[in-house]
Protein backbone atom coordinates (compact mmCIF):
# COMPACT_ATOMS: atom_id res chain seq x y z
CA MET A 1 57.72 91.21 193.90
CA ASN A 2 55.34 89.41 196.27
CA SER A 3 51.77 89.14 195.12
CA PRO A 4 49.30 91.10 197.26
CA ALA A 5 46.65 89.12 199.09
CA PRO A 6 43.13 89.42 197.71
CA SER A 7 41.45 92.48 199.17
CA ASP A 8 38.98 92.32 202.05
CA ASN A 9 36.60 94.04 199.66
CA PHE A 10 36.83 91.12 197.26
CA MET A 11 33.37 90.09 196.19
CA GLN A 12 33.44 87.24 193.71
CA ILE A 13 29.82 86.48 193.02
CA ALA A 14 29.16 83.48 190.84
CA SER A 15 26.38 84.61 188.56
CA CYS A 16 23.71 82.58 190.37
CA LEU A 17 24.39 84.10 193.83
CA ARG A 18 22.24 86.82 195.38
CA LEU A 19 23.28 88.82 198.45
CA ALA A 20 20.84 90.20 200.98
CA PRO A 21 21.09 93.95 201.59
CA GLN A 22 22.54 95.19 204.85
CA VAL A 23 21.91 98.88 205.26
CA LYS A 24 24.36 100.97 207.26
CA MET A 25 23.41 104.56 207.92
CA GLY A 26 25.90 107.15 206.74
CA VAL A 27 27.01 109.03 203.68
CA ARG A 28 27.53 105.69 201.93
CA TYR A 29 25.16 102.76 202.15
CA ALA A 30 27.27 99.63 201.92
CA LEU A 31 25.91 96.40 200.48
CA ILE A 32 28.72 93.90 200.85
CA ASP A 33 28.83 90.34 202.08
CA HIS A 34 32.46 89.20 202.28
CA PRO A 35 33.07 85.53 201.46
CA GLN A 36 34.74 83.37 204.04
CA GLU A 37 38.29 82.18 203.36
CA GLY A 38 37.08 78.66 202.64
CA ASP A 39 34.56 79.97 200.13
CA MET A 40 37.31 81.92 198.40
CA HIS A 41 39.43 78.80 197.97
CA LYS A 42 36.46 76.89 196.59
CA LYS A 43 35.76 79.64 194.06
CA LEU A 44 39.38 79.82 192.98
CA ALA A 45 39.46 76.05 192.61
CA LEU A 46 36.26 76.22 190.57
CA ILE A 47 37.82 78.69 188.17
CA GLY A 48 40.91 76.50 187.99
CA ALA A 49 38.77 73.50 187.11
CA ILE A 50 36.92 75.47 184.45
CA MET A 51 40.21 76.60 183.01
CA GLY A 52 41.27 72.96 182.77
CA LEU A 53 38.23 72.27 180.60
CA SER A 54 38.99 75.22 178.33
CA ALA A 55 40.77 74.41 175.11
CA THR A 56 42.16 77.95 175.06
CA ALA A 57 43.58 77.99 178.58
CA ALA A 58 47.24 78.89 178.90
CA GLY A 59 49.84 76.20 179.46
CA ALA A 60 51.82 76.21 182.69
CA GLN A 61 54.74 78.13 181.18
CA ASP A 62 52.78 80.13 178.59
CA LYS A 63 52.05 83.81 178.68
CA VAL A 64 48.57 84.54 180.00
CA LYS A 65 46.50 86.70 177.66
CA VAL A 66 43.71 88.89 179.03
CA GLY A 67 41.34 90.97 176.93
CA VAL A 68 39.83 94.01 178.64
CA ILE A 69 36.67 95.41 177.05
CA ALA A 70 35.30 98.70 178.35
CA THR A 71 33.63 101.90 177.17
CA LEU A 72 36.57 104.23 176.60
CA SER A 73 35.01 106.92 174.40
CA GLY A 74 32.09 109.34 174.63
CA PRO A 75 30.48 110.75 177.82
CA PRO A 76 30.82 107.50 179.84
CA ALA A 77 34.52 107.08 178.99
CA VAL A 78 35.65 107.88 182.53
CA LEU A 79 33.96 104.71 183.76
CA GLY A 80 35.85 102.52 181.31
CA GLN A 81 39.07 104.32 182.07
CA GLN A 82 38.63 103.52 185.76
CA LEU A 83 38.06 99.86 184.91
CA ARG A 84 41.12 99.70 182.67
CA ASN A 85 43.30 101.56 185.17
CA GLY A 86 42.26 99.40 188.11
CA PHE A 87 43.06 96.19 186.25
CA GLN A 88 46.39 97.46 184.97
CA LEU A 89 47.37 98.72 188.43
CA ALA A 90 46.86 95.25 189.88
CA VAL A 91 48.97 93.69 187.12
CA LYS A 92 51.71 96.25 187.76
CA ASN A 93 51.65 95.52 191.50
CA LEU A 94 51.95 91.83 190.71
CA GLY A 95 55.17 92.48 188.79
CA GLY A 96 53.56 92.21 185.38
CA LYS A 97 52.47 88.66 186.11
CA LEU A 98 49.30 86.76 187.01
CA GLY A 99 49.72 83.56 188.95
CA GLY A 100 53.46 83.91 188.46
CA ARG A 101 53.16 83.94 184.66
CA GLU A 102 53.92 86.72 182.25
CA VAL A 103 50.75 88.47 181.17
CA GLU A 104 49.70 90.33 178.04
CA VAL A 105 46.76 92.70 178.46
CA VAL A 106 44.89 93.78 175.32
CA VAL A 107 42.49 96.69 175.86
CA GLU A 108 39.52 97.33 173.55
CA ASP A 109 36.92 100.12 173.42
CA ASP A 110 33.37 98.83 172.94
CA GLU A 111 32.23 102.40 172.10
CA LEU A 112 28.96 101.61 173.95
CA LYS A 113 27.75 99.85 170.79
CA PRO A 114 26.68 96.19 171.06
CA ASP A 115 27.81 95.32 167.52
CA VAL A 116 31.24 96.83 168.16
CA ALA A 117 31.49 94.98 171.47
CA VAL A 118 30.66 91.65 169.79
CA ASN A 119 33.24 92.20 167.06
CA LYS A 120 35.92 93.17 169.57
CA ALA A 121 35.09 90.17 171.78
CA LYS A 122 35.21 87.75 168.85
CA ALA A 123 38.55 89.18 167.74
CA LEU A 124 39.98 88.73 171.24
CA VAL A 125 38.77 85.13 171.39
CA ASP A 126 39.43 84.01 167.81
CA ARG A 127 42.52 85.98 166.77
CA THR A 128 44.27 87.11 169.92
CA LYS A 129 43.43 83.81 171.65
CA VAL A 130 42.89 85.35 175.07
CA ASP A 131 42.45 83.14 178.12
CA PHE A 132 40.20 85.63 179.91
CA VAL A 133 37.96 88.53 178.94
CA VAL A 134 37.46 91.18 181.63
CA GLY A 135 34.62 93.67 181.21
CA PRO A 136 32.47 95.44 180.30
CA ILE A 137 30.97 98.46 182.09
CA PHE A 138 27.43 98.47 180.72
CA SER A 139 24.90 95.65 180.96
CA ASN A 140 23.82 95.83 177.33
CA MET A 141 27.46 95.30 176.37
CA LEU A 142 27.66 92.31 178.72
CA ILE A 143 24.55 90.77 177.20
CA ALA A 144 26.07 91.24 173.74
CA ILE A 145 29.42 89.56 174.48
CA MET A 146 28.33 86.84 176.90
CA LYS A 147 27.58 84.15 174.32
CA PRO A 148 30.52 84.66 171.91
CA VAL A 149 32.99 84.64 174.82
CA THR A 150 31.64 81.83 176.97
CA ASP A 151 30.66 79.59 174.03
CA ALA A 152 34.32 79.68 173.01
CA GLY A 153 35.28 78.26 176.41
CA VAL A 154 36.90 81.51 177.50
CA ILE A 155 36.29 82.76 181.03
CA LEU A 156 34.40 86.06 181.20
CA ILE A 157 34.85 88.15 184.35
CA SER A 158 32.60 91.17 184.74
CA PRO A 159 34.06 93.80 187.07
CA ASN A 160 30.89 95.89 186.92
CA ALA A 161 27.79 94.78 185.02
CA GLY A 162 25.80 92.08 186.84
CA THR A 163 22.51 91.79 185.01
CA SER A 164 19.75 89.99 186.86
CA ASN A 165 18.96 87.70 183.93
CA PHE A 166 22.35 86.02 184.40
CA ALA A 167 21.59 85.27 188.06
CA GLY A 168 19.18 82.44 187.33
CA LYS A 169 18.59 79.99 184.53
CA GLU A 170 20.87 81.97 182.19
CA CYS A 171 23.90 81.74 184.47
CA ASN A 172 27.00 80.27 182.84
CA PRO A 173 29.84 78.27 184.43
CA ASN A 174 32.37 80.38 182.51
CA PHE A 175 31.00 83.67 183.86
CA PHE A 176 32.13 85.36 187.08
CA VAL A 177 31.42 88.75 188.63
CA THR A 178 33.57 90.80 191.01
CA SER A 179 30.96 93.45 191.70
CA TYR A 180 27.30 92.75 192.50
CA GLN A 181 23.98 91.85 191.02
CA ASN A 182 22.67 95.00 189.37
CA ASP A 183 19.72 95.65 191.65
CA GLN A 184 21.60 95.44 194.96
CA ASN A 185 22.94 98.99 195.33
CA HIS A 186 19.55 100.33 194.31
CA GLU A 187 17.86 98.22 196.99
CA VAL A 188 19.91 100.18 199.52
CA MET A 189 18.37 103.46 198.46
CA GLY A 190 14.88 101.94 198.42
CA LYS A 191 15.46 100.81 202.00
CA TYR A 192 16.74 104.27 202.93
CA ALA A 193 13.69 105.96 201.39
CA GLN A 194 11.40 103.57 203.24
CA ASP A 195 13.18 104.08 206.57
CA ALA A 196 13.11 107.85 206.04
CA ALA A 197 9.31 107.62 205.73
CA MET A 198 9.24 109.16 202.27
CA LYS A 199 5.72 108.96 200.94
CA LYS A 200 6.19 109.71 197.23
CA VAL A 201 9.29 109.18 195.05
CA PHE A 202 9.96 109.88 191.36
CA LEU A 203 12.08 107.20 189.63
CA MET A 204 14.29 107.58 186.54
CA ALA A 205 16.83 105.35 184.82
CA PRO A 206 18.14 104.56 181.32
CA ASN A 207 16.02 102.28 179.16
CA TYR A 208 18.18 99.15 179.20
CA GLN A 209 18.64 96.09 181.41
CA ALA A 210 20.64 97.80 184.16
CA GLY A 211 18.07 100.60 184.33
CA LYS A 212 15.25 98.10 184.74
CA ASP A 213 17.23 96.25 187.40
CA ALA A 214 17.85 99.56 189.20
CA ILE A 215 14.18 100.47 189.41
CA ALA A 216 13.22 96.93 190.41
CA GLY A 217 15.81 96.99 193.18
CA PHE A 218 14.58 100.30 194.57
CA LYS A 219 10.93 99.22 194.48
CA ARG A 220 11.71 95.97 196.26
CA TYR A 221 12.18 97.89 199.53
CA PHE A 222 10.29 101.14 199.00
CA LYS A 223 6.58 100.67 199.67
CA GLY A 224 5.38 104.25 199.26
CA GLU A 225 3.82 105.91 196.22
CA ILE A 226 5.71 106.01 192.92
CA ALA A 227 5.08 109.49 191.49
CA ASP A 228 6.33 108.36 188.07
CA GLU A 229 8.67 105.76 186.58
CA VAL A 230 10.58 107.23 183.66
CA TYR A 231 13.04 105.49 181.35
CA VAL A 232 15.27 107.67 179.18
CA PRO A 233 17.55 106.71 176.27
CA LEU A 234 20.97 105.50 177.35
CA GLY A 235 23.33 108.43 176.87
CA GLN A 236 20.71 111.20 177.14
CA LEU A 237 22.24 114.49 178.31
CA ASP A 238 19.34 117.00 178.24
CA TYR A 239 16.75 116.55 181.00
CA SER A 240 14.58 119.64 180.60
CA ALA A 241 11.43 117.60 179.89
CA GLU A 242 12.04 115.23 182.79
CA LEU A 243 12.77 118.11 185.19
CA THR A 244 9.42 119.65 184.29
CA LYS A 245 7.72 116.36 185.14
CA ILE A 246 9.58 116.11 188.44
CA ALA A 247 8.62 119.64 189.46
CA ALA A 248 4.98 119.01 188.57
CA ALA A 249 4.88 115.73 190.54
CA SER A 250 6.19 117.40 193.73
CA PRO A 251 7.63 114.19 195.20
CA ASP A 252 9.35 113.89 198.56
CA GLY A 253 12.35 112.52 196.74
CA ILE A 254 13.74 111.29 193.46
CA PHE A 255 15.76 108.17 192.82
CA VAL A 256 17.92 108.10 189.71
CA PHE A 257 20.43 105.78 188.13
CA LEU A 258 22.28 107.81 185.50
CA PRO A 259 25.90 106.67 185.13
CA GLY A 260 28.78 108.67 183.69
CA GLY A 261 28.03 111.79 181.68
CA MET A 262 24.30 111.27 182.12
CA GLY A 263 24.65 111.77 185.85
CA VAL A 264 27.00 114.73 185.48
CA ASN A 265 24.49 116.61 183.36
CA PHE A 266 21.41 115.63 185.33
CA VAL A 267 22.88 116.68 188.68
CA LYS A 268 23.85 120.08 187.30
CA GLN A 269 20.47 120.61 185.63
CA PHE A 270 18.58 119.45 188.74
CA ARG A 271 20.47 122.00 190.82
CA GLN A 272 20.03 124.76 188.24
CA ALA A 273 16.28 124.09 188.10
CA GLY A 274 16.04 124.98 191.79
CA LEU A 275 14.83 121.52 192.82
CA ALA A 276 17.73 120.53 195.06
CA ASP A 277 16.39 122.41 198.08
CA LYS A 278 12.88 121.02 197.67
CA ILE A 279 13.31 117.36 196.73
CA LYS A 280 15.58 114.76 198.35
CA PHE A 281 18.08 113.39 195.82
CA LEU A 282 18.77 109.66 196.02
CA SER A 283 20.88 107.79 193.50
CA ALA A 284 23.28 105.00 192.66
CA PHE A 285 26.19 105.27 190.20
CA THR A 286 25.18 108.88 189.59
CA VAL A 287 27.06 110.77 192.29
CA ASP A 288 30.32 108.95 192.90
CA GLU A 289 34.09 109.26 192.55
CA SER A 290 33.88 109.07 188.76
CA THR A 291 31.38 111.92 188.40
CA LEU A 292 32.09 114.20 191.38
CA PRO A 293 35.11 115.88 189.75
CA ALA A 294 32.71 117.28 187.12
CA GLN A 295 29.64 117.76 189.33
CA LYS A 296 31.50 119.53 192.16
CA GLU A 297 29.28 121.67 194.41
CA ALA A 298 26.18 120.80 192.38
CA ALA A 299 26.14 117.40 194.11
CA LEU A 300 26.41 118.68 197.69
CA GLY A 301 23.83 117.06 199.95
CA PHE A 302 22.93 114.34 197.45
CA PHE A 303 22.80 110.70 198.56
CA GLY A 304 24.24 107.67 196.79
CA GLY A 305 24.11 103.94 197.46
CA ALA A 306 27.32 102.02 196.88
CA ASN A 307 29.03 98.73 197.68
CA TRP A 308 32.40 100.41 198.30
CA ALA A 309 34.00 103.72 199.19
CA PRO A 310 37.62 104.97 199.03
CA ASN A 311 37.68 105.61 202.78
CA LEU A 312 36.78 102.08 203.88
CA ASP A 313 39.08 101.45 206.84
CA ASN A 314 41.12 98.36 206.11
CA PRO A 315 44.80 98.00 205.11
CA GLN A 316 44.14 96.56 201.64
CA ASN A 317 41.76 99.35 200.71
CA LYS A 318 44.04 102.08 202.00
CA LYS A 319 46.93 100.63 200.02
CA PHE A 320 44.87 100.32 196.84
CA VAL A 321 43.52 103.88 197.03
CA ALA A 322 46.93 105.39 197.76
CA GLU A 323 48.55 103.52 194.86
CA TYR A 324 45.74 104.40 192.45
CA GLU A 325 45.89 108.09 193.36
CA LYS A 326 49.67 108.09 192.93
CA GLU A 327 49.53 106.29 189.59
CA TYR A 328 46.62 108.14 187.98
CA ASN A 329 46.26 111.38 189.98
CA ALA A 330 42.57 110.62 190.56
CA VAL A 331 40.36 109.06 193.22
CA PRO A 332 39.30 105.52 192.29
CA ALA A 333 35.65 104.62 191.92
CA THR A 334 33.95 101.23 192.22
CA TYR A 335 34.80 100.46 188.59
CA ALA A 336 38.51 100.62 189.44
CA PHE A 337 38.48 98.57 192.62
CA GLN A 338 36.27 95.87 191.10
CA ALA A 339 38.60 95.57 188.09
CA TYR A 340 41.56 95.45 190.49
CA ASP A 341 39.88 92.53 192.24
CA ALA A 342 39.22 90.87 188.87
CA ALA A 343 42.98 90.78 188.31
CA LEU A 344 43.52 89.37 191.81
CA LEU A 345 40.86 86.75 191.09
CA ILE A 346 42.76 85.58 188.01
CA ASP A 347 46.04 85.70 189.89
CA GLY A 348 44.63 83.66 192.76
CA ALA A 349 43.06 81.09 190.42
CA LEU A 350 46.27 80.56 188.48
CA GLU A 351 48.26 80.41 191.71
CA ALA A 352 45.89 77.82 193.16
CA ASP A 353 45.91 75.83 189.94
CA GLN A 354 49.67 75.12 190.06
CA GLY A 355 49.44 73.14 186.83
CA LYS A 356 46.86 70.71 188.24
CA TYR A 357 44.21 71.70 185.74
CA VAL A 358 46.20 73.90 183.39
CA GLY A 359 49.25 72.77 181.49
């Protein structure tokens, strides 16, 4: 089977790189800067060089081992399932190989618990002897596993979490991202709110790094009044107290970042509280392909900022979406396509390496 070319949507962001937002009016607000072909080759060569320095890297004829860590249980499980499915679909399309080598994929559930994530990551590195770790979904899980993975010389590829603290002095040469820096999609909605001349907006996000990045991103472009800035526990499902605050504040709009089950519940409760017809609903990773099957009509008319959409009109995207829907009977979300690209990144790096650095 011929290996597919890396997708036009491929966004390999070395952890120190920051992309400027480009807002496009529509249902989706895209925030993508595609690398040039030359840049892609440089990045693949960089990964190949790093692999050559890694004591754990696979030999030229050895099986490549990849550990996938994602949240696969509890209310956010659908996000991790999308990540896992996207990666495995790419491997299947590549004939069960990466860079022409047989591949073994070991999937682990971090249970959205940092201590569990660390233990699973250490087991993958120390016992399974993986060459790559792909994951996780949540930024607090990424922060937990970053050091044990990269200190071992193993390459860590995040297909979702892109915490801002790793985009500066804490960036690591063994760390790569196929998604974004956390605040970017949220900047899009801040820009939209500003352009829509909203005067007062209520902000809400989970109380962890990605939530703080989300609010910071929104505020970077929105210059109006902040009615309130509320941080809720990660995983909260009952928003009765927060809905009372929102109603009392009477903002022009709300901006929320509530991924997975958090977003499913909040959207339904917001609609049930009678606020949907009074307050503009802006979000990121709250109303998307992973949550819409559960939110259904409750999310009608709500806005979301995203770096990708299933209906992007290019051949690679159409092929990916069609194959994902056929394989899993579901519409892929960003978590799936970014994990798919993580597999293509590894495939391209190993293909470019050709034994020069590895083996």
